[in-house]
Amino acid sequence: MVIIREALRAMRMTLILWLLTALIYPLAILIIGQGLFPFQANGSVVLNIDDKPIGSTLIGQIFTDDRYFQGRPSAVRYSQGRKAKPNGISGGSNLAPSNPELLNRVTEQATQYQEQSIQPSEDLIYTSGSGIDPHISLKAAREQLPRVANARGIKEDDIIPLLNKFTDGRFLWIFGEPGVNILRLNYALDLQDINRKLNQ
């Protein structure tokens, strides 16, 4: 009799814990996320004027056109379509500082920026640990300002308000450094160009 009673108690506890952890808690998080933070809960996806997704503010992308600010390089080439490396969508290269492949890549990247009259800062030539960092420092963005303004045929002063607008501050006001979200900044520049053409 005691064994049956204990078995029933164990089954009730298992059912209650299963309901709490497998149904009630995930459902509560889903409702809170969709109710209070729908943009973040759905991947922070940015939509263009045609309501089509162009990327996530949480995942960096590769921009090669001079009209755009360029972000951090990625060891996994996460957004380069068929050129993407098949070893996953996140992570660093794990190459030692003495590795010639790393030295060649950094030198090539630095030379490319110097040819564009850009002083290459660390976040423009070194990959991040995750490989998907969507931010660059204000210093790196300001270095690219003349090139982007020249390629778009506008003044640097037209870009600075957008640069300030899409600079995210420190996490909880104390952790990390302020960073510019490249996807949001580049898309805002495209919208600015569209508005300028419509008003001409």
C-alpha atoms as a PDB file:
ATOM      1  CA  MET A   1       0.000   0.000   0.000  1.00  0.00           C
ATOM      2  CA  VAL A   2       2.816   2.420   0.905  1.00  0.00           C
ATOM      3  CA  ILE A   3       4.577   1.678  -2.398  1.00  0.00           C
ATOM      4  CA  ILE A   4       1.431   2.467  -4.411  1.00  0.00           C
ATOM      5  CA  ARG A   5       0.854   5.707  -2.449  1.00  0.00           C
ATOM      6  CA  GLU A   6       4.479   6.810  -2.993  1.00  0.00           C
ATOM      7  CA  ALA A   7       4.318   5.892  -6.686  1.00  0.00           C
ATOM      8  CA  LEU A   8       1.142   7.968  -7.128  1.00  0.00           C
ATOM      9  CA  ARG A   9       2.764  10.895  -5.285  1.00  0.00           C
ATOM     10  CA  ALA A  10       5.846  10.647  -7.543  1.00  0.00           C
ATOM     11  CA  MET A  11       3.639  10.572 -10.660  1.00  0.00           C
ATOM     12  CA  ARG A  12       1.681  13.636  -9.440  1.00  0.00           C
ATOM     13  CA  MET A  13       4.934  15.541  -8.771  1.00  0.00           C
ATOM     14  CA  THR A  14       6.276  14.566 -12.183  1.00  0.00           C
ATOM     15  CA  LEU A  15       3.066  15.748 -13.869  1.00  0.00           C
ATOM     16  CA  ILE A  16       3.074  19.050 -11.928  1.00  0.00           C
ATOM     17  CA  LEU A  17       6.742  19.722 -12.730  1.00  0.00           C
ATOM     18  CA  TRP A  18       6.164  18.824 -16.371  1.00  0.00           C
ATOM     19  CA  LEU A  19       3.191  21.216 -16.569  1.00  0.00           C
ATOM     20  CA  LEU A  20       5.226  24.002 -14.935  1.00  0.00           C
ATOM     21  CA  THR A  21       8.461  23.605 -16.899  1.00  0.00           C
ATOM     22  CA  ALA A  22       7.202  22.343 -20.258  1.00  0.00           C
ATOM     23  CA  LEU A  23       3.935  24.248 -20.674  1.00  0.00           C
ATOM     24  CA  ILE A  24       3.212  27.058 -18.215  1.00  0.00           C
ATOM     25  CA  TYR A  25       6.694  28.660 -18.037  1.00  0.00           C
ATOM     26  CA  PRO A  26       7.389  28.629 -21.818  1.00  0.00           C
ATOM     27  CA  LEU A  27       3.862  29.908 -22.534  1.00  0.00           C
ATOM     28  CA  ALA A  28       4.288  32.726 -19.987  1.00  0.00           C
ATOM     29  CA  ILE A  29       7.640  33.731 -21.505  1.00  0.00           C
ATOM     30  CA  LEU A  30       6.105  33.667 -25.006  1.00  0.00           C
ATOM     31  CA  ILE A  31       3.183  35.870 -23.963  1.00  0.00           C
ATOM     32  CA  ILE A  32       5.406  38.331 -22.051  1.00  0.00           C
ATOM     33  CA  GLY A  33       7.930  38.463 -24.907  1.00  0.00           C
ATOM     34  CA  GLN A  34       5.308  38.996 -27.621  1.00  0.00           C
ATOM     35  CA  GLY A  35       3.345  41.450 -25.470  1.00  0.00           C
ATOM     36  CA  LEU A  36       6.152  43.633 -24.121  1.00  0.00           C
ATOM     37  CA  PHE A  37       9.084  43.054 -26.507  1.00  0.00           C
ATOM     38  CA  PRO A  38       7.710  41.839 -29.880  1.00  0.00           C
ATOM     39  CA  PHE A  39      10.622  43.242 -31.945  1.00  0.00           C
ATOM     40  CA  GLN A  40      13.270  41.522 -29.817  1.00  0.00           C
ATOM     41  CA  ALA A  41      11.247  38.321 -29.325  1.00  0.00           C
ATOM     42  CA  ASN A  42      10.983  37.885 -33.086  1.00  0.00           C
ATOM     43  CA  GLY A  43      14.721  38.174 -33.737  1.00  0.00           C
ATOM     44  CA  SER A  44      15.096  41.986 -34.023  1.00  0.00           C
ATOM     45  CA  VAL A  45      14.485  41.682 -37.768  1.00  0.00           C
ATOM     46  CA  VAL A  46      14.612  44.924 -39.781  1.00  0.00           C
ATOM     47  CA  LEU A  47      12.058  45.230 -42.596  1.00  0.00           C
ATOM     48  CA  ASN A  48      12.526  47.425 -45.652  1.00  0.00           C
ATOM     49  CA  ILE A  49       9.870  49.723 -47.145  1.00  0.00           C
ATOM     50  CA  ASP A  50       8.456  46.726 -49.063  1.00  0.00           C
ATOM     51  CA  ASP A  51       7.984  44.923 -45.707  1.00  0.00           C
ATOM     52  CA  LYS A  52      10.657  42.352 -46.561  1.00  0.00           C
ATOM     53  CA  PRO A  53      13.345  41.352 -44.029  1.00  0.00           C
ATOM     54  CA  ILE A  54      16.818  42.717 -44.734  1.00  0.00           C
ATOM     55  CA  GLY A  55      18.605  41.421 -41.645  1.00  0.00           C
ATOM     56  CA  SER A  56      18.703  41.368 -37.870  1.00  0.00           C
ATOM     57  CA  THR A  57      20.110  44.126 -35.689  1.00  0.00           C
ATOM     58  CA  LEU A  58      21.712  41.360 -33.602  1.00  0.00           C
ATOM     59  CA  ILE A  59      23.737  39.807 -36.432  1.00  0.00           C
ATOM     60  CA  GLY A  60      26.394  41.691 -38.381  1.00  0.00           C
ATOM     61  CA  GLN A  61      26.423  41.626 -42.163  1.00  0.00           C
ATOM     62  CA  ILE A  62      29.060  42.160 -44.806  1.00  0.00           C
ATOM     63  CA  PHE A  63      28.812  45.453 -46.723  1.00  0.00           C
ATOM     64  CA  THR A  64      31.295  45.963 -49.556  1.00  0.00           C
ATOM     65  CA  ASP A  65      29.907  48.974 -51.454  1.00  0.00           C
ATOM     66  CA  ASP A  66      31.615  52.321 -50.674  1.00  0.00           C
ATOM     67  CA  ARG A  67      28.153  53.803 -50.031  1.00  0.00           C
ATOM     68  CA  TYR A  68      27.914  51.747 -46.848  1.00  0.00           C
ATOM     69  CA  PHE A  69      29.692  51.668 -43.536  1.00  0.00           C
ATOM     70  CA  GLN A  70      31.561  48.391 -43.187  1.00  0.00           C
ATOM     71  CA  GLY A  71      31.339  46.315 -40.036  1.00  0.00           C
ATOM     72  CA  ARG A  72      33.664  43.852 -38.357  1.00  0.00           C
ATOM     73  CA  PRO A  73      35.070  41.045 -40.469  1.00  0.00           C
ATOM     74  CA  SER A  74      33.823  37.552 -39.717  1.00  0.00           C
ATOM     75  CA  ALA A  75      35.861  34.366 -39.470  1.00  0.00           C
ATOM     76  CA  VAL A  76      32.824  32.330 -40.520  1.00  0.00           C
ATOM     77  CA  ARG A  77      31.549  34.579 -43.343  1.00  0.00           C
ATOM     78  CA  TYR A  78      28.042  34.223 -41.951  1.00  0.00           C
ATOM     79  CA  SER A  79      26.210  36.379 -44.503  1.00  0.00           C
ATOM     80  CA  GLN A  80      28.070  35.721 -47.727  1.00  0.00           C
ATOM     81  CA  GLY A  81      25.751  33.183 -49.326  1.00  0.00           C
ATOM     82  CA  ARG A  82      27.691  30.522 -51.219  1.00  0.00           C
ATOM     83  CA  LYS A  83      31.002  31.939 -49.984  1.00  0.00           C
ATOM     84  CA  ALA A  84      29.946  31.298 -46.369  1.00  0.00           C
ATOM     85  CA  LYS A  85      32.162  28.828 -44.569  1.00  0.00           C
ATOM     86  CA  PRO A  86      30.315  25.625 -43.635  1.00  0.00           C
ATOM     87  CA  ASN A  87      31.817  25.369 -40.131  1.00  0.00           C
ATOM     88  CA  GLY A  88      28.858  27.025 -38.461  1.00  0.00           C
ATOM     89  CA  ILE A  89      27.218  30.410 -38.246  1.00  0.00           C
ATOM     90  CA  SER A  90      28.990  31.704 -35.163  1.00  0.00           C
ATOM     91  CA  GLY A  91      32.466  31.610 -33.712  1.00  0.00           C
ATOM     92  CA  GLY A  92      35.992  32.875 -34.103  1.00  0.00           C
ATOM     93  CA  SER A  93      38.806  31.477 -36.208  1.00  0.00           C
ATOM     94  CA  ASN A  94      40.798  30.218 -33.182  1.00  0.00           C
ATOM     95  CA  LEU A  95      44.005  31.037 -35.056  1.00  0.00           C
ATOM     96  CA  ALA A  96      47.021  31.749 -32.869  1.00  0.00           C
ATOM     97  CA  PRO A  97      48.692  35.186 -33.185  1.00  0.00           C
ATOM     98  CA  SER A  98      51.685  33.422 -34.756  1.00  0.00           C
ATOM     99  CA  ASN A  99      49.549  31.799 -37.470  1.00  0.00           C
ATOM    100  CA  PRO A 100      50.531  33.117 -40.942  1.00  0.00           C
ATOM    101  CA  GLU A 101      46.928  32.850 -42.186  1.00  0.00           C
ATOM    102  CA  LEU A 102      45.757  35.271 -39.488  1.00  0.00           C
ATOM    103  CA  LEU A 103      48.650  37.651 -40.124  1.00  0.00           C
ATOM    104  CA  ASN A 104      47.972  37.640 -43.881  1.00  0.00           C
ATOM    105  CA  ARG A 105      44.251  38.308 -43.393  1.00  0.00           C
ATOM    106  CA  VAL A 106      44.825  41.186 -40.958  1.00  0.00           C
ATOM    107  CA  THR A 107      47.538  42.720 -43.167  1.00  0.00           C
ATOM    108  CA  GLU A 108      45.333  42.452 -46.258  1.00  0.00           C
ATOM    109  CA  GLN A 109      42.388  44.039 -44.417  1.00  0.00           C
ATOM    110  CA  ALA A 110      44.534  46.878 -43.047  1.00  0.00           C
ATOM    111  CA  THR A 111      46.045  47.566 -46.479  1.00  0.00           C
ATOM    112  CA  GLN A 112      42.585  47.665 -48.051  1.00  0.00           C
ATOM    113  CA  TYR A 113      41.430  50.319 -45.562  1.00  0.00           C
ATOM    114  CA  GLN A 114      44.639  52.342 -45.936  1.00  0.00           C
ATOM    115  CA  GLU A 115      44.071  52.444 -49.713  1.00  0.00           C
ATOM    116  CA  GLN A 116      40.706  54.058 -48.944  1.00  0.00           C
ATOM    117  CA  SER A 117      42.458  56.623 -46.676  1.00  0.00           C
ATOM    118  CA  ILE A 118      40.911  55.017 -43.597  1.00  0.00           C
ATOM    119  CA  GLN A 119      42.968  54.489 -40.463  1.00  0.00           C
ATOM    120  CA  PRO A 120      42.157  50.849 -39.677  1.00  0.00           C
ATOM    121  CA  SER A 121      41.064  50.471 -36.063  1.00  0.00           C
ATOM    122  CA  GLU A 122      41.022  47.135 -34.246  1.00  0.00           C
ATOM    123  CA  ASP A 123      37.353  46.420 -34.853  1.00  0.00           C
ATOM    124  CA  LEU A 124      37.739  46.904 -38.609  1.00  0.00           C
ATOM    125  CA  ILE A 125      40.529  44.360 -39.030  1.00  0.00           C
ATOM    126  CA  TYR A 126      40.063  41.842 -36.204  1.00  0.00           C
ATOM    127  CA  THR A 127      37.108  39.489 -36.025  1.00  0.00           C
ATOM    128  CA  SER A 128      34.968  39.310 -32.906  1.00  0.00           C
ATOM    129  CA  GLY A 129      34.788  36.216 -30.715  1.00  0.00           C
ATOM    130  CA  SER A 130      31.263  35.418 -31.875  1.00  0.00           C
ATOM    131  CA  GLY A 131      31.939  36.278 -35.511  1.00  0.00           C
ATOM    132  CA  ILE A 132      28.550  37.988 -35.745  1.00  0.00           C
ATOM    133  CA  ASP A 133      29.081  41.292 -33.920  1.00  0.00           C
ATOM    134  CA  PRO A 134      26.721  43.888 -35.483  1.00  0.00           C
ATOM    135  CA  HIS A 135      28.501  46.924 -33.986  1.00  0.00           C
ATOM    136  CA  ILE A 136      31.665  48.902 -34.609  1.00  0.00           C
ATOM    137  CA  SER A 137      33.139  51.624 -32.435  1.00  0.00           C
ATOM    138  CA  LEU A 138      32.352  55.297 -32.982  1.00  0.00           C
ATOM    139  CA  LYS A 139      36.000  55.800 -33.926  1.00  0.00           C
ATOM    140  CA  ALA A 140      35.766  53.162 -36.688  1.00  0.00           C
ATOM    141  CA  ALA A 141      32.537  54.691 -37.993  1.00  0.00           C
ATOM    142  CA  ARG A 142      33.976  58.229 -38.013  1.00  0.00           C
ATOM    143  CA  GLU A 143      36.994  56.996 -39.981  1.00  0.00           C
ATOM    144  CA  GLN A 144      34.625  55.752 -42.712  1.00  0.00           C
ATOM    145  CA  LEU A 145      32.503  58.918 -42.721  1.00  0.00           C
ATOM    146  CA  PRO A 146      34.349  60.762 -45.546  1.00  0.00           C
ATOM    147  CA  ARG A 147      34.261  57.718 -47.848  1.00  0.00           C
ATOM    148  CA  VAL A 148      30.525  57.104 -47.336  1.00  0.00           C
ATOM    149  CA  ALA A 149      29.642  60.797 -47.718  1.00  0.00           C
ATOM    150  CA  ASN A 150      31.697  61.052 -50.902  1.00  0.00           C
ATOM    151  CA  ALA A 151      30.186  57.871 -52.405  1.00  0.00           C
ATOM    152  CA  ARG A 152      26.652  59.092 -51.679  1.00  0.00           C
ATOM    153  CA  GLY A 153      27.339  62.661 -52.815  1.00  0.00           C
ATOM    154  CA  ILE A 154      26.267  64.219 -49.518  1.00  0.00           C
ATOM    155  CA  LYS A 155      27.922  66.171 -46.728  1.00  0.00           C
ATOM    156  CA  GLU A 156      29.352  64.469 -43.672  1.00  0.00           C
ATOM    157  CA  ASP A 157      27.079  66.671 -41.557  1.00  0.00           C
ATOM    158  CA  ASP A 158      24.078  64.901 -43.141  1.00  0.00           C
ATOM    159  CA  ILE A 159      25.307  61.562 -41.801  1.00  0.00           C
ATOM    160  CA  ILE A 160      26.396  62.579 -38.288  1.00  0.00           C
ATOM    161  CA  PRO A 161      22.827  62.781 -36.852  1.00  0.00           C
ATOM    162  CA  LEU A 162      22.167  59.228 -38.068  1.00  0.00           C
ATOM    163  CA  LEU A 163      25.504  58.087 -36.678  1.00  0.00           C
ATOM    164  CA  ASN A 164      24.525  59.460 -33.265  1.00  0.00           C
ATOM    165  CA  LYS A 165      21.008  58.040 -33.497  1.00  0.00           C
ATOM    166  CA  PHE A 166      22.156  54.481 -34.145  1.00  0.00           C
ATOM    167  CA  THR A 167      24.895  54.419 -31.542  1.00  0.00           C
ATOM    168  CA  ASP A 168      23.941  52.029 -28.753  1.00  0.00           C
ATOM    169  CA  GLY A 169      25.204  52.978 -25.313  1.00  0.00           C
ATOM    170  CA  ARG A 170      26.890  50.796 -22.722  1.00  0.00           C
ATOM    171  CA  PHE A 171      24.897  47.816 -21.454  1.00  0.00           C
ATOM    172  CA  LEU A 172      23.250  48.872 -18.164  1.00  0.00           C
ATOM    173  CA  TRP A 173      25.239  52.123 -18.561  1.00  0.00           C
ATOM    174  CA  ILE A 174      28.446  50.500 -17.244  1.00  0.00           C
ATOM    175  CA  PHE A 175      29.377  47.417 -19.307  1.00  0.00           C
ATOM    176  CA  GLY A 176      31.211  47.536 -22.636  1.00  0.00           C
ATOM    177  CA  GLU A 177      31.675  50.502 -24.943  1.00  0.00           C
ATOM    178  CA  PRO A 178      29.189  52.425 -27.108  1.00  0.00           C
ATOM    179  CA  GLY A 179      28.853  50.916 -30.566  1.00  0.00           C
ATOM    180  CA  VAL A 180      27.246  51.839 -33.884  1.00  0.00           C
ATOM    181  CA  ASN A 181      24.754  49.322 -35.282  1.00  0.00           C
ATOM    182  CA  ILE A 182      25.857  49.057 -38.906  1.00  0.00           C
ATOM    183  CA  LEU A 183      22.697  47.520 -40.398  1.00  0.00           C
ATOM    184  CA  ARG A 184      20.424  50.163 -38.905  1.00  0.00           C
ATOM    185  CA  LEU A 185      22.771  52.992 -39.916  1.00  0.00           C
ATOM    186  CA  ASN A 186      23.170  51.773 -43.505  1.00  0.00           C
ATOM    187  CA  TYR A 187      19.441  51.244 -43.941  1.00  0.00           C
ATOM    188  CA  ALA A 188      18.730  54.728 -42.551  1.00  0.00           C
ATOM    189  CA  LEU A 189      21.171  56.132 -45.133  1.00  0.00           C
ATOM    190  CA  ASP A 190      19.296  54.302 -47.905  1.00  0.00           C
ATOM    191  CA  LEU A 191      15.987  55.731 -46.641  1.00  0.00           C
ATOM    192  CA  GLN A 192      17.553  59.188 -46.537  1.00  0.00           C
ATOM    193  CA  ASP A 193      18.593  58.775 -50.195  1.00  0.00           C
ATOM    194  CA  ILE A 194      15.076  57.647 -51.176  1.00  0.00           C
ATOM    195  CA  ASN A 195      13.521  60.658 -49.406  1.00  0.00           C
ATOM    196  CA  ARG A 196      16.008  63.020 -51.024  1.00  0.00           C
ATOM    197  CA  LYS A 197      15.157  61.685 -54.515  1.00  0.00           C
ATOM    198  CA  LEU A 198      11.410  61.958 -53.862  1.00  0.00           C
ATOM    199  CA  ASN A 199      11.774  65.584 -52.740  1.00  0.00           C
ATOM    200  CA  GLN A 200      13.776  66.653 -55.801  1.00  0.00           C
END
